[in-house]
Amino acid sequence: MSKGMAQTIAKASVILEAIATALEVIEKLSALFTKESSYEKTYENLVKINQVLSDTVSIYKKLLETEA
């Protein structure tokens, strides 16, 4: 496998990971607004969403590093 092909596969993997994370964010937001939950449950969902967004930022940073 050539170096360029390996880099392309690595970038595609990072992109797919970012897409999966974005879908997870959408799922959590949907759960937040479709369920009638207490303030505690809402807070827990917001904490989870914050973690997912933090993970997404990390993924994008990895992607930018591979393009440099």
N, C-alpha and C. Protein backbone atom coordinates (compact mmCIF):
# COMPACT_ATOMS: atom_id res chain seq x y z
N MET A 1 0.85 -1.17 0.00
CA MET A 1 0.00 0.00 0.00
C MET A 1 0.90 1.23 0.00
N SER A 2 0.60 2.18 -0.89
CA SER A 2 1.42 3.38 -0.97
C SER A 2 1.16 4.31 0.21
N LYS A 3 2.13 5.20 0.44
CA LYS A 3 2.01 6.15 1.56
C LYS A 3 0.79 7.05 1.38
N GLY A 4 0.55 7.49 0.16
CA GLY A 4 -0.61 8.35 -0.11
C GLY A 4 -1.93 7.65 0.16
N MET A 5 -1.98 6.38 -0.21
CA MET A 5 -3.20 5.61 0.01
C MET A 5 -3.45 5.42 1.51
N ALA A 6 -2.39 5.16 2.25
CA ALA A 6 -2.51 4.98 3.70
C ALA A 6 -2.99 6.27 4.36
N GLN A 7 -2.47 7.41 3.89
CA GLN A 7 -2.90 8.70 4.44
C GLN A 7 -4.37 8.96 4.12
N THR A 8 -4.78 8.62 2.92
CA THR A 8 -6.18 8.80 2.52
C THR A 8 -7.10 7.94 3.37
N ILE A 9 -6.69 6.71 3.62
CA ILE A 9 -7.49 5.81 4.45
C ILE A 9 -7.57 6.34 5.89
N ALA A 10 -6.45 6.86 6.39
CA ALA A 10 -6.44 7.42 7.75
C ALA A 10 -7.38 8.62 7.84
N LYS A 11 -7.34 9.49 6.83
CA LYS A 11 -8.22 10.66 6.83
C LYS A 11 -9.68 10.24 6.74
N ALA A 12 -9.96 9.25 5.91
CA ALA A 12 -11.34 8.76 5.78
C ALA A 12 -11.82 8.18 7.10
N SER A 13 -10.95 7.50 7.80
CA SER A 13 -11.30 6.93 9.10
C SER A 13 -11.65 8.03 10.09
N VAL A 14 -10.87 9.09 10.10
CA VAL A 14 -11.14 10.22 11.00
C VAL A 14 -12.46 10.88 10.64
N ILE A 15 -12.71 11.04 9.35
CA ILE A 15 -13.96 11.65 8.90
C ILE A 15 -15.15 10.80 9.31
N LEU A 16 -15.06 9.49 9.14
CA LEU A 16 -16.14 8.59 9.54
C LEU A 16 -16.37 8.65 11.05
N GLU A 17 -15.30 8.76 11.80
CA GLU A 17 -15.42 8.89 13.26
C GLU A 17 -16.14 10.19 13.61
N ALA A 18 -15.83 11.27 12.90
CA ALA A 18 -16.48 12.55 13.14
C ALA A 18 -17.97 12.47 12.80
N ILE A 19 -18.30 11.80 11.73
CA ILE A 19 -19.71 11.64 11.33
C ILE A 19 -20.46 10.83 12.40
N ALA A 20 -19.85 9.76 12.87
CA ALA A 20 -20.48 8.94 13.91
C ALA A 20 -20.72 9.76 15.17
N THR A 21 -19.75 10.60 15.52
CA THR A 21 -19.89 11.44 16.70
C THR A 21 -21.00 12.46 16.51
N ALA A 22 -21.08 13.04 15.32
CA ALA A 22 -22.14 14.01 15.02
C ALA A 22 -23.51 13.34 15.13
N LEU A 23 -23.64 12.11 14.65
CA LEU A 23 -24.89 11.39 14.77
C LEU A 23 -25.24 11.13 16.24
N GLU A 24 -24.23 10.87 17.03
CA GLU A 24 -24.46 10.67 18.46
C GLU A 24 -24.98 11.95 19.11
N VAL A 25 -24.43 13.10 18.69
CA VAL A 25 -24.91 14.39 19.20
C VAL A 25 -26.38 14.58 18.85
N ILE A 26 -26.72 14.30 17.62
CA ILE A 26 -28.11 14.45 17.17
C ILE A 26 -29.03 13.54 17.99
N GLU A 27 -28.59 12.32 18.22
CA GLU A 27 -29.39 11.37 19.00
C GLU A 27 -29.61 11.89 20.42
N LYS A 28 -28.55 12.41 21.04
CA LYS A 28 -28.66 12.92 22.41
C LYS A 28 -29.56 14.15 22.46
N LEU A 29 -29.43 15.05 21.48
CA LEU A 29 -30.30 16.22 21.45
C LEU A 29 -31.75 15.81 21.26
N SER A 30 -31.97 14.86 20.41
CA SER A 30 -33.33 14.36 20.19
C SER A 30 -33.91 13.79 21.47
N ALA A 31 -33.12 13.00 22.17
CA ALA A 31 -33.58 12.41 23.44
C ALA A 31 -33.87 13.50 24.47
N LEU A 32 -33.08 14.54 24.43
CA LEU A 32 -33.25 15.63 25.39
C LEU A 32 -34.60 16.31 25.21
N PHE A 33 -35.01 16.50 23.97
CA PHE A 33 -36.23 17.26 23.71
C PHE A 33 -37.48 16.40 23.52
N THR A 34 -37.33 15.11 23.33
CA THR A 34 -38.52 14.29 23.12
C THR A 34 -39.03 13.64 24.41
N LYS A 35 -38.18 13.55 25.40
CA LYS A 35 -38.59 12.94 26.66
C LYS A 35 -38.98 14.03 27.66
N GLU A 36 -39.99 13.76 28.42
CA GLU A 36 -40.31 14.64 29.53
C GLU A 36 -39.46 14.17 30.70
N SER A 37 -38.44 14.94 31.00
CA SER A 37 -37.52 14.50 32.04
C SER A 37 -37.38 15.58 33.12
N SER A 38 -36.86 15.17 34.21
CA SER A 38 -36.62 16.09 35.31
C SER A 38 -35.41 16.95 34.99
N TYR A 39 -35.19 17.96 35.82
CA TYR A 39 -34.02 18.82 35.63
C TYR A 39 -32.73 18.03 35.73
N GLU A 40 -32.71 17.06 36.62
CA GLU A 40 -31.50 16.25 36.78
C GLU A 40 -31.20 15.46 35.50
N LYS A 41 -32.22 14.86 34.92
CA LYS A 41 -32.03 14.10 33.68
C LYS A 41 -31.57 15.02 32.55
N THR A 42 -32.17 16.21 32.49
CA THR A 42 -31.77 17.18 31.48
C THR A 42 -30.30 17.57 31.66
N TYR A 43 -29.90 17.79 32.90
CA TYR A 43 -28.51 18.14 33.19
C TYR A 43 -27.58 17.01 32.76
N GLU A 44 -27.95 15.78 33.08
CA GLU A 44 -27.13 14.62 32.69
C GLU A 44 -26.98 14.55 31.18
N ASN A 45 -28.06 14.80 30.46
CA ASN A 45 -27.99 14.78 28.99
C ASN A 45 -27.09 15.89 28.47
N LEU A 46 -27.17 17.05 29.07
CA LEU A 46 -26.31 18.16 28.64
C LEU A 46 -24.83 17.85 28.90
N VAL A 47 -24.55 17.20 30.01
CA VAL A 47 -23.17 16.79 30.30
C VAL A 47 -22.68 15.80 29.24
N LYS A 48 -23.54 14.85 28.87
CA LYS A 48 -23.18 13.88 27.83
C LYS A 48 -22.94 14.57 26.50
N ILE A 49 -23.81 15.49 26.15
CA ILE A 49 -23.66 16.24 24.90
C ILE A 49 -22.36 17.02 24.90
N ASN A 50 -22.04 17.64 26.03
CA ASN A 50 -20.79 18.38 26.14
C ASN A 50 -19.59 17.47 25.90
N GLN A 51 -19.64 16.25 26.44
CA GLN A 51 -18.54 15.30 26.23
C GLN A 51 -18.42 14.90 24.77
N VAL A 52 -19.56 14.66 24.14
CA VAL A 52 -19.55 14.28 22.72
C VAL A 52 -18.97 15.42 21.89
N LEU A 53 -19.36 16.65 22.18
CA LEU A 53 -18.83 17.79 21.44
C LEU A 53 -17.33 17.94 21.67
N SER A 54 -16.90 17.72 22.88
CA SER A 54 -15.46 17.76 23.18
C SER A 54 -14.71 16.70 22.38
N ASP A 55 -15.28 15.51 22.31
CA ASP A 55 -14.67 14.43 21.52
C ASP A 55 -14.62 14.81 20.04
N THR A 56 -15.67 15.45 19.56
CA THR A 56 -15.71 15.87 18.15
C THR A 56 -14.61 16.87 17.85
N VAL A 57 -14.40 17.82 18.75
CA VAL A 57 -13.33 18.79 18.56
C VAL A 57 -11.98 18.08 18.50
N SER A 58 -11.79 17.10 19.35
CA SER A 58 -10.54 16.33 19.33
C SER A 58 -10.35 15.62 18.00
N ILE A 59 -11.42 15.08 17.47
CA ILE A 59 -11.35 14.38 16.19
C ILE A 59 -10.95 15.35 15.08
N TYR A 60 -11.58 16.51 15.06
CA TYR A 60 -11.25 17.50 14.03
C TYR A 60 -9.82 17.96 14.15
N LYS A 61 -9.31 18.09 15.39
CA LYS A 61 -7.90 18.46 15.57
C LYS A 61 -6.99 17.39 14.98
N LYS A 62 -7.34 16.11 15.20
CA LYS A 62 -6.56 15.01 14.61
C LYS A 62 -6.56 15.11 13.09
N LEU A 63 -7.72 15.40 12.54
CA LEU A 63 -7.85 15.51 11.09
C LEU A 63 -6.96 16.64 10.56
N LEU A 64 -6.98 17.77 11.24
CA LEU A 64 -6.14 18.89 10.83
C LEU A 64 -4.66 18.55 10.92
N GLU A 65 -4.29 17.79 11.94
CA GLU A 65 -2.89 17.38 12.09
C GLU A 65 -2.46 16.47 10.95
N THR A 66 -3.35 15.61 10.47
CA THR A 66 -2.98 14.69 9.40
C THR A 66 -2.86 15.41 8.07
N GLU A 67 -3.54 16.57 7.95
CA GLU A 67 -3.44 17.32 6.70
C GLU A 67 -2.22 18.21 6.66
N ALA A 68 -1.60 18.46 7.81
CA ALA A 68 -0.43 19.35 7.88
C ALA A 68 0.81 18.67 7.34
